[in-house]
Amino acid sequence: MELKAVKPYSLRMQPDLKEMLQLLAKENGRSLNSEMIQRLKESVKNERRGQ
């Protein structure tokens, strides 16, 4: 998907969750946005598998 086709999405989250995600993103060499997208994709994939 072309980046221009992706619309920004505002998300509210607790500061401690954001901090944890930022640390994980840094450990994984990703941006915060990329980390969140990767984790959401994995969650949806796992749910479809029945896990």
N, C-alpha and C. Protein backbone atom coordinates (compact mmCIF):
# COMPACT_ATOMS: atom_id res chain seq x y z
N MET A 1 0.85 -1.17 0.00
CA MET A 1 0.00 0.00 0.00
C MET A 1 0.89 1.23 0.00
N GLU A 2 0.55 2.17 -0.84
CA GLU A 2 1.31 3.41 -0.93
C GLU A 2 1.12 4.24 0.33
N LEU A 3 2.19 4.81 0.85
CA LEU A 3 2.15 5.57 2.09
C LEU A 3 1.16 6.72 2.02
N LYS A 4 1.04 7.36 0.88
CA LYS A 4 0.10 8.48 0.74
C LYS A 4 -1.35 8.02 0.90
N ALA A 5 -1.62 6.75 0.66
CA ALA A 5 -2.97 6.22 0.76
C ALA A 5 -3.36 5.94 2.21
N VAL A 6 -2.38 5.95 3.11
CA VAL A 6 -2.64 5.68 4.52
C VAL A 6 -2.95 6.98 5.24
N LYS A 7 -4.14 7.06 5.79
CA LYS A 7 -4.56 8.28 6.49
C LYS A 7 -4.07 8.24 7.94
N PRO A 8 -3.61 9.37 8.46
CA PRO A 8 -3.22 9.41 9.88
C PRO A 8 -4.40 9.09 10.79
N TYR A 9 -4.08 8.46 11.92
CA TYR A 9 -5.10 8.07 12.88
C TYR A 9 -4.63 8.48 14.26
N SER A 10 -5.43 9.29 14.90
CA SER A 10 -5.10 9.75 16.25
C SER A 10 -5.51 8.68 17.26
N LEU A 11 -4.63 8.40 18.20
CA LEU A 11 -4.88 7.34 19.17
C LEU A 11 -4.52 7.85 20.56
N ARG A 12 -5.45 7.69 21.49
CA ARG A 12 -5.17 8.03 22.88
C ARG A 12 -4.76 6.78 23.62
N MET A 13 -3.69 6.90 24.42
CA MET A 13 -3.26 5.76 25.22
C MET A 13 -2.61 6.28 26.50
N GLN A 14 -2.57 5.41 27.47
CA GLN A 14 -1.98 5.78 28.75
C GLN A 14 -0.48 6.00 28.56
N PRO A 15 0.08 6.98 29.26
CA PRO A 15 1.51 7.29 29.11
C PRO A 15 2.43 6.11 29.38
N ASP A 16 2.09 5.26 30.35
CA ASP A 16 2.96 4.12 30.64
C ASP A 16 2.97 3.10 29.50
N LEU A 17 1.85 2.92 28.82
CA LEU A 17 1.80 2.02 27.67
C LEU A 17 2.63 2.59 26.53
N LYS A 18 2.50 3.88 26.30
CA LYS A 18 3.27 4.52 25.23
C LYS A 18 4.77 4.39 25.51
N GLU A 19 5.15 4.58 26.76
CA GLU A 19 6.56 4.46 27.13
C GLU A 19 7.08 3.04 26.88
N MET A 20 6.28 2.04 27.26
CA MET A 20 6.68 0.65 27.02
C MET A 20 6.84 0.37 25.53
N LEU A 21 5.88 0.86 24.74
CA LEU A 21 5.95 0.65 23.29
C LEU A 21 7.15 1.36 22.68
N GLN A 22 7.47 2.54 23.19
CA GLN A 22 8.64 3.26 22.69
C GLN A 22 9.93 2.49 22.99
N LEU A 23 10.02 1.92 24.18
CA LEU A 23 11.20 1.13 24.53
C LEU A 23 11.30 -0.12 23.66
N LEU A 24 10.18 -0.80 23.46
CA LEU A 24 10.17 -1.98 22.60
C LEU A 24 10.52 -1.63 21.16
N ALA A 25 10.01 -0.51 20.69
CA ALA A 25 10.32 -0.06 19.33
C ALA A 25 11.81 0.17 19.18
N LYS A 26 12.41 0.81 20.16
CA LYS A 26 13.85 1.07 20.11
C LYS A 26 14.63 -0.24 20.09
N GLU A 27 14.25 -1.18 20.96
CA GLU A 27 14.91 -2.49 21.01
C GLU A 27 14.80 -3.22 19.68
N ASN A 28 13.67 -3.06 18.98
CA ASN A 28 13.42 -3.76 17.73
C ASN A 28 13.85 -2.96 16.50
N GLY A 29 14.43 -1.77 16.71
CA GLY A 29 14.89 -0.95 15.59
C GLY A 29 13.77 -0.41 14.74
N ARG A 30 12.64 -0.12 15.39
CA ARG A 30 11.47 0.39 14.66
C ARG A 30 11.05 1.74 15.21
N SER A 31 10.24 2.43 14.43
CA SER A 31 9.59 3.63 14.94
C SER A 31 8.43 3.20 15.83
N LEU A 32 7.92 4.11 16.62
CA LEU A 32 6.77 3.79 17.46
C LEU A 32 5.60 3.35 16.59
N ASN A 33 5.36 4.04 15.51
CA ASN A 33 4.27 3.69 14.60
C ASN A 33 4.44 2.28 14.04
N SER A 34 5.64 1.97 13.57
CA SER A 34 5.90 0.64 13.01
C SER A 34 5.74 -0.46 14.06
N GLU A 35 6.18 -0.18 15.27
CA GLU A 35 6.04 -1.16 16.35
C GLU A 35 4.57 -1.45 16.63
N MET A 36 3.77 -0.39 16.70
CA MET A 36 2.35 -0.56 16.98
C MET A 36 1.66 -1.33 15.86
N ILE A 37 1.98 -1.02 14.62
CA ILE A 37 1.38 -1.71 13.48
C ILE A 37 1.76 -3.18 13.48
N GLN A 38 3.04 -3.47 13.72
CA GLN A 38 3.50 -4.86 13.75
C GLN A 38 2.78 -5.65 14.83
N ARG A 39 2.65 -5.06 16.01
CA ARG A 39 2.00 -5.75 17.12
C ARG A 39 0.50 -5.95 16.86
N LEU A 40 -0.14 -4.99 16.23
CA LEU A 40 -1.55 -5.15 15.88
C LEU A 40 -1.73 -6.24 14.85
N LYS A 41 -0.87 -6.27 13.85
CA LYS A 41 -0.95 -7.33 12.82
C LYS A 41 -0.79 -8.71 13.45
N GLU A 42 0.21 -8.85 14.34
CA GLU A 42 0.44 -10.13 14.99
C GLU A 42 -0.77 -10.54 15.84
N SER A 43 -1.36 -9.58 16.53
CA SER A 43 -2.52 -9.86 17.37
C SER A 43 -3.71 -10.35 16.53
N VAL A 44 -3.95 -9.69 15.43
CA VAL A 44 -5.06 -10.08 14.56
C VAL A 44 -4.79 -11.46 13.95
N LYS A 45 -3.56 -11.69 13.52
CA LYS A 45 -3.21 -12.99 12.94
C LYS A 45 -3.40 -14.10 13.96
N ASN A 46 -2.95 -13.88 15.19
CA ASN A 46 -3.08 -14.88 16.24
C ASN A 46 -4.54 -15.12 16.60
N GLU A 47 -5.34 -14.09 16.60
CA GLU A 47 -6.76 -14.25 16.90
C GLU A 47 -7.45 -15.08 15.83
N ARG A 48 -7.08 -14.87 14.60
CA ARG A 48 -7.66 -15.65 13.50
C ARG A 48 -7.29 -17.11 13.61
N ARG A 49 -6.12 -17.38 14.17
CA ARG A 49 -5.67 -18.76 14.35
C ARG A 49 -6.31 -19.41 15.56
N GLY A 50 -7.03 -18.61 16.36
CA GLY A 50 -7.70 -19.15 17.53
C GLY A 50 -6.85 -19.15 18.78
N GLN A 51 -5.79 -18.36 18.78
CA GLN A 51 -4.90 -18.31 19.95
C GLN A 51 -5.31 -17.23 20.90
